[in-house]
N, C-alpha and C. Protein backbone atom coordinates (compact mmCIF):
# COMPACT_ATOMS: atom_id res chain seq x y z
N MET A 1 3.37 -4.29 -42.74
CA MET A 1 4.31 -5.23 -42.17
C MET A 1 5.44 -4.49 -41.44
N ARG A 2 5.94 -3.42 -42.08
CA ARG A 2 7.02 -2.67 -41.46
C ARG A 2 6.59 -2.06 -40.13
N SER A 3 5.36 -1.51 -40.08
CA SER A 3 4.90 -0.91 -38.83
C SER A 3 4.71 -1.97 -37.75
N LEU A 4 4.32 -3.17 -38.14
CA LEU A 4 4.20 -4.26 -37.18
C LEU A 4 5.56 -4.64 -36.62
N THR A 5 6.57 -4.69 -37.48
CA THR A 5 7.92 -5.01 -37.04
C THR A 5 8.45 -3.92 -36.11
N LEU A 6 8.22 -2.67 -36.46
CA LEU A 6 8.65 -1.57 -35.60
C LEU A 6 7.94 -1.60 -34.26
N ALA A 7 6.65 -1.88 -34.27
CA ALA A 7 5.90 -1.97 -33.02
C ALA A 7 6.43 -3.10 -32.15
N ALA A 8 6.75 -4.24 -32.75
CA ALA A 8 7.29 -5.37 -31.99
C ALA A 8 8.65 -5.02 -31.40
N LEU A 9 9.49 -4.37 -32.18
CA LEU A 9 10.80 -3.95 -31.68
C LEU A 9 10.65 -2.96 -30.53
N PHE A 10 9.75 -1.99 -30.70
CA PHE A 10 9.55 -0.98 -29.67
C PHE A 10 9.00 -1.61 -28.39
N THR A 11 8.07 -2.54 -28.54
CA THR A 11 7.49 -3.22 -27.37
C THR A 11 8.57 -4.01 -26.64
N GLY A 12 9.37 -4.72 -27.40
CA GLY A 12 10.46 -5.49 -26.78
C GLY A 12 11.46 -4.59 -26.08
N ALA A 13 11.81 -3.49 -26.72
CA ALA A 13 12.75 -2.55 -26.12
C ALA A 13 12.15 -1.92 -24.86
N SER A 14 10.87 -1.59 -24.90
CA SER A 14 10.20 -1.02 -23.73
C SER A 14 10.20 -2.00 -22.57
N ALA A 15 9.87 -3.26 -22.86
CA ALA A 15 9.87 -4.28 -21.80
C ALA A 15 11.26 -4.41 -21.20
N PHE A 16 12.28 -4.40 -22.05
CA PHE A 16 13.66 -4.48 -21.57
C PHE A 16 13.99 -3.28 -20.69
N LEU A 17 13.61 -2.08 -21.14
CA LEU A 17 13.90 -0.88 -20.37
C LEU A 17 13.20 -0.88 -19.02
N ILE A 18 11.95 -1.32 -19.00
CA ILE A 18 11.22 -1.36 -17.73
C ILE A 18 11.87 -2.36 -16.79
N SER A 19 12.19 -3.57 -17.28
CA SER A 19 12.82 -4.56 -16.41
C SER A 19 14.20 -4.08 -15.98
N SER A 20 14.93 -3.39 -16.87
CA SER A 20 16.23 -2.83 -16.52
C SER A 20 16.08 -1.73 -15.47
N ALA A 21 15.01 -0.96 -15.59
CA ALA A 21 14.78 0.11 -14.62
C ALA A 21 14.57 -0.48 -13.23
N PHE A 22 13.83 -1.59 -13.13
CA PHE A 22 13.67 -2.27 -11.84
C PHE A 22 15.03 -2.72 -11.34
N ALA A 23 15.80 -3.39 -12.19
CA ALA A 23 17.09 -3.95 -11.79
C ALA A 23 18.06 -2.86 -11.36
N ALA A 24 18.03 -1.73 -12.04
CA ALA A 24 18.96 -0.64 -11.74
C ALA A 24 18.52 0.19 -10.54
N GLY A 25 17.35 -0.07 -10.01
CA GLY A 25 16.87 0.66 -8.84
C GLY A 25 16.22 1.98 -9.17
N PHE A 26 15.85 2.22 -10.44
CA PHE A 26 15.14 3.46 -10.77
C PHE A 26 13.83 3.53 -10.01
N PHE A 27 13.17 2.40 -9.88
CA PHE A 27 12.04 2.30 -8.96
C PHE A 27 12.01 0.87 -8.43
N HIS A 28 11.47 0.75 -7.26
CA HIS A 28 11.49 -0.53 -6.58
C HIS A 28 10.13 -1.19 -6.63
N SER A 29 10.14 -2.50 -6.61
CA SER A 29 8.88 -3.20 -6.51
C SER A 29 8.31 -2.91 -5.11
N VAL A 30 7.03 -3.08 -4.98
CA VAL A 30 6.36 -2.77 -3.72
C VAL A 30 6.71 -3.82 -2.68
N LYS A 31 7.16 -3.35 -1.54
CA LYS A 31 7.58 -4.26 -0.47
C LYS A 31 6.62 -4.28 0.72
N ASP A 32 5.76 -3.28 0.81
CA ASP A 32 4.84 -3.19 1.94
C ASP A 32 3.73 -4.22 1.81
N PRO A 33 3.57 -5.12 2.80
CA PRO A 33 2.56 -6.19 2.69
C PRO A 33 1.13 -5.67 2.56
N ALA A 34 0.77 -4.62 3.29
CA ALA A 34 -0.60 -4.10 3.21
C ALA A 34 -0.88 -3.51 1.83
N THR A 35 0.09 -2.82 1.27
CA THR A 35 -0.07 -2.23 -0.06
C THR A 35 -0.21 -3.34 -1.10
N LYS A 36 0.65 -4.35 -1.00
CA LYS A 36 0.56 -5.49 -1.93
C LYS A 36 -0.81 -6.16 -1.84
N LYS A 37 -1.25 -6.41 -0.62
CA LYS A 37 -2.51 -7.14 -0.42
C LYS A 37 -3.72 -6.33 -0.88
N GLU A 38 -3.85 -5.11 -0.38
CA GLU A 38 -5.06 -4.34 -0.63
C GLU A 38 -5.12 -3.81 -2.07
N CYS A 39 -4.04 -3.25 -2.56
CA CYS A 39 -4.04 -2.72 -3.92
C CYS A 39 -4.04 -3.86 -4.94
N GLY A 40 -3.27 -4.90 -4.63
CA GLY A 40 -3.16 -6.03 -5.53
C GLY A 40 -4.41 -6.89 -5.61
N ALA A 41 -5.36 -6.67 -4.72
CA ALA A 41 -6.62 -7.42 -4.77
C ALA A 41 -7.45 -7.04 -6.00
N CYS A 42 -7.21 -5.84 -6.54
CA CYS A 42 -8.02 -5.37 -7.68
C CYS A 42 -7.22 -5.07 -8.94
N HIS A 43 -5.96 -4.71 -8.80
CA HIS A 43 -5.16 -4.34 -9.98
C HIS A 43 -3.69 -4.60 -9.67
N MET A 44 -2.84 -4.44 -10.67
CA MET A 44 -1.41 -4.59 -10.42
C MET A 44 -0.99 -3.56 -9.38
N VAL A 45 0.02 -3.89 -8.61
CA VAL A 45 0.50 -3.00 -7.57
C VAL A 45 1.57 -2.11 -8.19
N TYR A 46 1.24 -0.85 -8.35
CA TYR A 46 2.13 0.09 -9.01
C TYR A 46 3.25 0.54 -8.09
N PRO A 47 4.48 0.59 -8.60
CA PRO A 47 5.59 1.11 -7.79
C PRO A 47 5.31 2.56 -7.41
N PRO A 48 5.51 2.92 -6.15
CA PRO A 48 5.19 4.28 -5.70
C PRO A 48 5.99 5.36 -6.43
N ALA A 49 7.16 5.03 -6.95
CA ALA A 49 8.01 6.02 -7.62
C ALA A 49 7.42 6.53 -8.93
N LEU A 50 6.35 5.91 -9.41
CA LEU A 50 5.77 6.34 -10.68
C LEU A 50 4.88 7.57 -10.56
N LEU A 51 4.59 8.00 -9.34
CA LEU A 51 3.78 9.21 -9.11
C LEU A 51 4.41 10.05 -8.00
N PRO A 52 4.15 11.35 -8.01
CA PRO A 52 4.60 12.18 -6.88
C PRO A 52 3.71 11.93 -5.65
N ALA A 53 4.22 12.28 -4.50
CA ALA A 53 3.48 12.06 -3.25
C ALA A 53 2.10 12.71 -3.28
N ARG A 54 1.99 13.90 -3.85
CA ARG A 54 0.70 14.61 -3.88
C ARG A 54 -0.36 13.82 -4.65
N SER A 55 0.06 13.05 -5.65
CA SER A 55 -0.90 12.21 -6.38
C SER A 55 -1.36 11.06 -5.52
N TRP A 56 -0.41 10.42 -4.82
CA TRP A 56 -0.80 9.31 -3.93
C TRP A 56 -1.74 9.82 -2.84
N GLU A 57 -1.47 11.02 -2.32
CA GLU A 57 -2.35 11.59 -1.29
C GLU A 57 -3.77 11.76 -1.81
N LYS A 58 -3.88 12.23 -3.03
CA LYS A 58 -5.22 12.42 -3.62
C LYS A 58 -5.90 11.07 -3.89
N ILE A 59 -5.18 10.13 -4.44
CA ILE A 59 -5.75 8.82 -4.77
C ILE A 59 -6.18 8.08 -3.51
N VAL A 60 -5.29 7.99 -2.53
CA VAL A 60 -5.59 7.24 -1.31
C VAL A 60 -6.53 8.03 -0.40
N GLY A 61 -6.58 9.33 -0.57
CA GLY A 61 -7.46 10.17 0.24
C GLY A 61 -8.93 10.04 -0.11
N ASP A 62 -9.24 9.47 -1.26
CA ASP A 62 -10.63 9.33 -1.69
C ASP A 62 -10.89 7.91 -2.22
N LEU A 63 -10.61 6.93 -1.40
CA LEU A 63 -10.78 5.53 -1.83
C LEU A 63 -12.24 5.14 -2.01
N SER A 64 -13.16 5.92 -1.48
CA SER A 64 -14.57 5.60 -1.71
C SER A 64 -14.97 5.88 -3.17
N ASN A 65 -14.13 6.64 -3.87
CA ASN A 65 -14.34 6.90 -5.29
C ASN A 65 -13.01 6.69 -6.03
N HIS A 66 -12.52 5.47 -5.97
CA HIS A 66 -11.23 5.11 -6.55
C HIS A 66 -11.42 4.73 -8.01
N PHE A 67 -11.34 5.74 -8.87
CA PHE A 67 -11.54 5.54 -10.32
C PHE A 67 -12.88 4.86 -10.60
N GLY A 68 -13.91 5.35 -9.88
CA GLY A 68 -15.26 4.85 -10.10
C GLY A 68 -15.65 3.66 -9.24
N GLU A 69 -14.75 3.19 -8.42
CA GLU A 69 -15.02 2.03 -7.54
C GLU A 69 -14.89 2.45 -6.08
N ASP A 70 -15.60 1.73 -5.21
CA ASP A 70 -15.44 1.95 -3.77
C ASP A 70 -14.37 1.00 -3.26
N ALA A 71 -13.20 1.54 -2.97
CA ALA A 71 -12.07 0.74 -2.47
C ALA A 71 -11.76 1.13 -1.03
N SER A 72 -12.77 1.55 -0.30
CA SER A 72 -12.59 2.01 1.07
C SER A 72 -11.87 0.98 1.92
N LEU A 73 -11.03 1.49 2.82
CA LEU A 73 -10.27 0.65 3.74
C LEU A 73 -10.40 1.21 5.15
N PRO A 74 -10.20 0.39 6.16
CA PRO A 74 -10.17 0.93 7.53
C PRO A 74 -9.06 1.98 7.65
N ASP A 75 -9.29 3.01 8.43
CA ASP A 75 -8.34 4.12 8.52
C ASP A 75 -6.90 3.70 8.83
N PRO A 76 -6.66 2.78 9.77
CA PRO A 76 -5.26 2.41 10.03
C PRO A 76 -4.57 1.77 8.81
N VAL A 77 -5.31 0.96 8.07
CA VAL A 77 -4.74 0.32 6.87
C VAL A 77 -4.49 1.38 5.80
N ARG A 78 -5.46 2.25 5.59
CA ARG A 78 -5.32 3.32 4.60
C ARG A 78 -4.15 4.22 4.95
N ALA A 79 -4.00 4.57 6.23
CA ALA A 79 -2.90 5.45 6.65
C ALA A 79 -1.55 4.77 6.44
N ASN A 80 -1.47 3.48 6.69
CA ASN A 80 -0.23 2.73 6.48
C ASN A 80 0.14 2.73 4.99
N ILE A 81 -0.83 2.46 4.14
CA ILE A 81 -0.58 2.44 2.69
C ILE A 81 -0.18 3.83 2.20
N LEU A 82 -0.87 4.85 2.65
CA LEU A 82 -0.54 6.21 2.24
C LEU A 82 0.88 6.58 2.68
N ALA A 83 1.25 6.23 3.89
CA ALA A 83 2.61 6.53 4.38
C ALA A 83 3.65 5.83 3.51
N TYR A 84 3.41 4.57 3.20
CA TYR A 84 4.36 3.83 2.36
C TYR A 84 4.48 4.46 0.97
N LEU A 85 3.34 4.77 0.35
CA LEU A 85 3.35 5.33 -1.00
C LEU A 85 4.02 6.70 -1.05
N THR A 86 3.73 7.56 -0.09
CA THR A 86 4.32 8.90 -0.11
C THR A 86 5.80 8.88 0.27
N GLN A 87 6.20 8.00 1.17
CA GLN A 87 7.61 7.91 1.54
C GLN A 87 8.47 7.36 0.40
N ASN A 88 7.86 6.66 -0.53
CA ASN A 88 8.59 6.06 -1.65
C ASN A 88 8.18 6.64 -3.00
N ALA A 89 7.46 7.76 -2.97
CA ALA A 89 6.98 8.40 -4.19
C ALA A 89 8.15 8.91 -5.04
N GLY A 90 7.86 9.21 -6.28
CA GLY A 90 8.89 9.67 -7.20
C GLY A 90 9.57 10.96 -6.80
N ASP A 91 8.93 11.77 -6.00
CA ASP A 91 9.52 13.03 -5.57
C ASP A 91 9.99 12.98 -4.11
N SER A 92 10.11 11.79 -3.56
CA SER A 92 10.48 11.64 -2.15
C SER A 92 11.97 11.70 -1.90
N GLY A 93 12.76 11.57 -2.95
CA GLY A 93 14.21 11.50 -2.78
C GLY A 93 14.71 10.10 -2.50
N GLN A 94 13.79 9.14 -2.36
CA GLN A 94 14.16 7.75 -2.09
C GLN A 94 14.53 6.98 -3.35
N THR A 95 14.09 7.48 -4.49
CA THR A 95 14.32 6.79 -5.76
C THR A 95 14.79 7.79 -6.80
N ASN A 96 15.21 7.28 -7.93
CA ASN A 96 15.60 8.13 -9.05
C ASN A 96 14.39 8.95 -9.49
N SER A 97 14.59 10.23 -9.71
CA SER A 97 13.46 11.10 -10.02
C SER A 97 13.18 11.23 -11.52
N TRP A 98 13.74 10.34 -12.34
CA TRP A 98 13.53 10.39 -13.79
C TRP A 98 12.05 10.43 -14.14
N PHE A 99 11.24 9.73 -13.39
CA PHE A 99 9.81 9.66 -13.68
C PHE A 99 9.09 10.97 -13.39
N MET A 100 9.73 11.86 -12.64
CA MET A 100 9.11 13.14 -12.30
C MET A 100 9.45 14.24 -13.29
N ARG A 101 10.32 13.97 -14.24
CA ARG A 101 10.70 14.99 -15.23
C ARG A 101 9.46 15.48 -15.98
N GLY A 102 9.33 16.77 -16.06
CA GLY A 102 8.22 17.36 -16.80
C GLY A 102 6.96 17.54 -15.99
N VAL A 103 6.95 17.12 -14.73
CA VAL A 103 5.77 17.27 -13.87
C VAL A 103 5.91 18.59 -13.10
N ARG A 104 5.01 19.50 -13.35
CA ARG A 104 5.05 20.80 -12.66
C ARG A 104 4.63 20.63 -11.20
N ASP A 105 5.19 21.46 -10.34
CA ASP A 105 4.90 21.39 -8.91
C ASP A 105 3.43 21.64 -8.58
N ASN A 106 2.74 22.40 -9.41
CA ASN A 106 1.34 22.74 -9.13
C ASN A 106 0.36 21.76 -9.79
N VAL A 107 0.87 20.68 -10.38
CA VAL A 107 0.03 19.69 -11.06
C VAL A 107 -0.02 18.42 -10.22
N VAL A 108 -1.22 17.86 -10.09
CA VAL A 108 -1.42 16.60 -9.37
C VAL A 108 -1.88 15.56 -10.39
N PRO A 109 -0.93 14.83 -10.99
CA PRO A 109 -1.34 13.83 -11.98
C PRO A 109 -2.26 12.79 -11.34
N PRO A 110 -3.45 12.57 -11.91
CA PRO A 110 -4.40 11.65 -11.29
C PRO A 110 -4.10 10.18 -11.55
N ARG A 111 -3.25 9.88 -12.52
CA ARG A 111 -2.93 8.48 -12.82
C ARG A 111 -1.59 8.41 -13.54
N ILE A 112 -0.97 7.27 -13.48
CA ILE A 112 0.35 7.06 -14.07
C ILE A 112 0.32 7.30 -15.57
N THR A 113 -0.77 6.92 -16.23
CA THR A 113 -0.85 7.07 -17.68
C THR A 113 -0.94 8.53 -18.12
N GLU A 114 -1.02 9.46 -17.18
CA GLU A 114 -1.02 10.87 -17.52
C GLU A 114 0.29 11.55 -17.16
N MET A 115 1.25 10.76 -16.75
CA MET A 115 2.58 11.30 -16.44
C MET A 115 3.35 11.54 -17.74
N PRO A 116 4.16 12.61 -17.80
CA PRO A 116 4.93 12.88 -19.01
C PRO A 116 5.81 11.71 -19.45
N PHE A 117 6.45 10.99 -18.51
CA PHE A 117 7.30 9.87 -18.91
C PHE A 117 6.47 8.79 -19.59
N TRP A 118 5.27 8.52 -19.08
CA TRP A 118 4.43 7.47 -19.65
C TRP A 118 3.99 7.87 -21.06
N ARG A 119 3.56 9.10 -21.19
CA ARG A 119 3.11 9.58 -22.50
C ARG A 119 4.25 9.60 -23.51
N GLY A 120 5.45 9.92 -23.04
CA GLY A 120 6.61 9.94 -23.92
C GLY A 120 6.95 8.55 -24.45
N ILE A 121 6.82 7.55 -23.61
CA ILE A 121 7.15 6.17 -24.00
C ILE A 121 6.01 5.53 -24.79
N HIS A 122 4.77 5.77 -24.38
CA HIS A 122 3.62 5.06 -24.94
C HIS A 122 2.75 5.88 -25.87
N GLY A 123 3.05 7.16 -26.02
CA GLY A 123 2.19 8.05 -26.79
C GLY A 123 2.01 7.69 -28.25
N GLY A 124 2.95 6.95 -28.82
CA GLY A 124 2.86 6.59 -30.22
C GLY A 124 2.01 5.38 -30.53
N PHE A 125 1.54 4.70 -29.51
CA PHE A 125 0.72 3.51 -29.73
C PHE A 125 -0.72 3.90 -30.01
N SER A 126 -1.37 3.15 -30.86
CA SER A 126 -2.77 3.42 -31.16
C SER A 126 -3.63 2.98 -29.98
N PRO A 127 -4.79 3.60 -29.81
CA PRO A 127 -5.70 3.18 -28.74
C PRO A 127 -6.04 1.69 -28.82
N ALA A 128 -6.07 1.13 -30.02
CA ALA A 128 -6.38 -0.30 -30.18
C ALA A 128 -5.32 -1.18 -29.52
N SER A 129 -4.09 -0.70 -29.44
CA SER A 129 -3.01 -1.47 -28.81
C SER A 129 -3.34 -1.81 -27.37
N PHE A 130 -4.03 -0.89 -26.71
CA PHE A 130 -4.34 -1.07 -25.30
C PHE A 130 -5.63 -1.85 -25.07
N LYS A 131 -6.29 -2.25 -26.13
CA LYS A 131 -7.53 -3.02 -26.01
C LYS A 131 -7.32 -4.48 -26.38
N ARG A 132 -6.09 -4.83 -26.73
CA ARG A 132 -5.79 -6.22 -27.08
C ARG A 132 -6.05 -7.14 -25.89
N PRO A 133 -6.42 -8.38 -26.15
CA PRO A 133 -6.57 -9.35 -25.05
C PRO A 133 -5.26 -9.44 -24.27
N GLY A 134 -5.36 -9.48 -22.98
CA GLY A 134 -4.17 -9.53 -22.15
C GLY A 134 -3.70 -8.15 -21.73
N VAL A 135 -4.10 -7.12 -22.46
CA VAL A 135 -3.73 -5.75 -22.10
C VAL A 135 -4.98 -5.06 -21.56
N LYS A 136 -5.97 -4.87 -22.39
CA LYS A 136 -7.30 -4.36 -22.07
C LYS A 136 -7.39 -2.90 -21.66
N LYS A 137 -6.33 -2.33 -21.06
CA LYS A 137 -6.38 -0.91 -20.69
C LYS A 137 -4.96 -0.36 -20.58
N ARG A 138 -4.85 0.95 -20.64
CA ARG A 138 -3.54 1.60 -20.63
C ARG A 138 -2.78 1.38 -19.33
N GLY A 139 -3.46 1.24 -18.22
CA GLY A 139 -2.79 1.10 -16.94
C GLY A 139 -2.35 -0.31 -16.60
N ASN A 140 -2.55 -1.25 -17.48
CA ASN A 140 -2.15 -2.63 -17.23
C ASN A 140 -0.74 -2.85 -17.74
N CYS A 141 0.24 -2.37 -17.01
CA CYS A 141 1.64 -2.44 -17.43
C CYS A 141 2.08 -3.86 -17.75
N LEU A 142 1.64 -4.80 -16.93
CA LEU A 142 2.08 -6.19 -17.10
C LEU A 142 1.48 -6.85 -18.34
N GLY A 143 0.48 -6.22 -18.94
CA GLY A 143 -0.08 -6.75 -20.18
C GLY A 143 0.95 -6.76 -21.31
N CYS A 144 1.88 -5.83 -21.26
CA CYS A 144 2.95 -5.76 -22.28
C CYS A 144 4.33 -6.01 -21.68
N HIS A 145 4.54 -5.54 -20.46
CA HIS A 145 5.86 -5.58 -19.83
C HIS A 145 5.96 -6.73 -18.82
N SER A 146 5.92 -7.95 -19.31
CA SER A 146 6.05 -9.08 -18.37
C SER A 146 6.99 -10.12 -18.93
């Protein structure tokens, strides 16, 4: 019972911190229409500040193998999305760089869930936490933070 109470408190605090981070401008919601449309067609649209530009370059550079799926886009659309993501990435200077703490310059994190900030906040949760209905996977931020 105590661990359930602690988990509920931590989840609530995390949701508050994430929503506060949006409000305080630590990272911005996605404003680019093409990014919202194309990325949001399959998954939540992740704020670009959660990854460094080099990660977005790798992810968008190989959309034919986007985490096991073919998410190919016409080159002009892909180039527009890549420009938006890299210009607003966590290491671009456009946003607070808190999310980049602990990321070495020679490392290209392949996904947000492998970023040090994400692991620091979510590392204590059991794998079963991310398989609950409504959550289903670690990258579904809105499953818990909505």
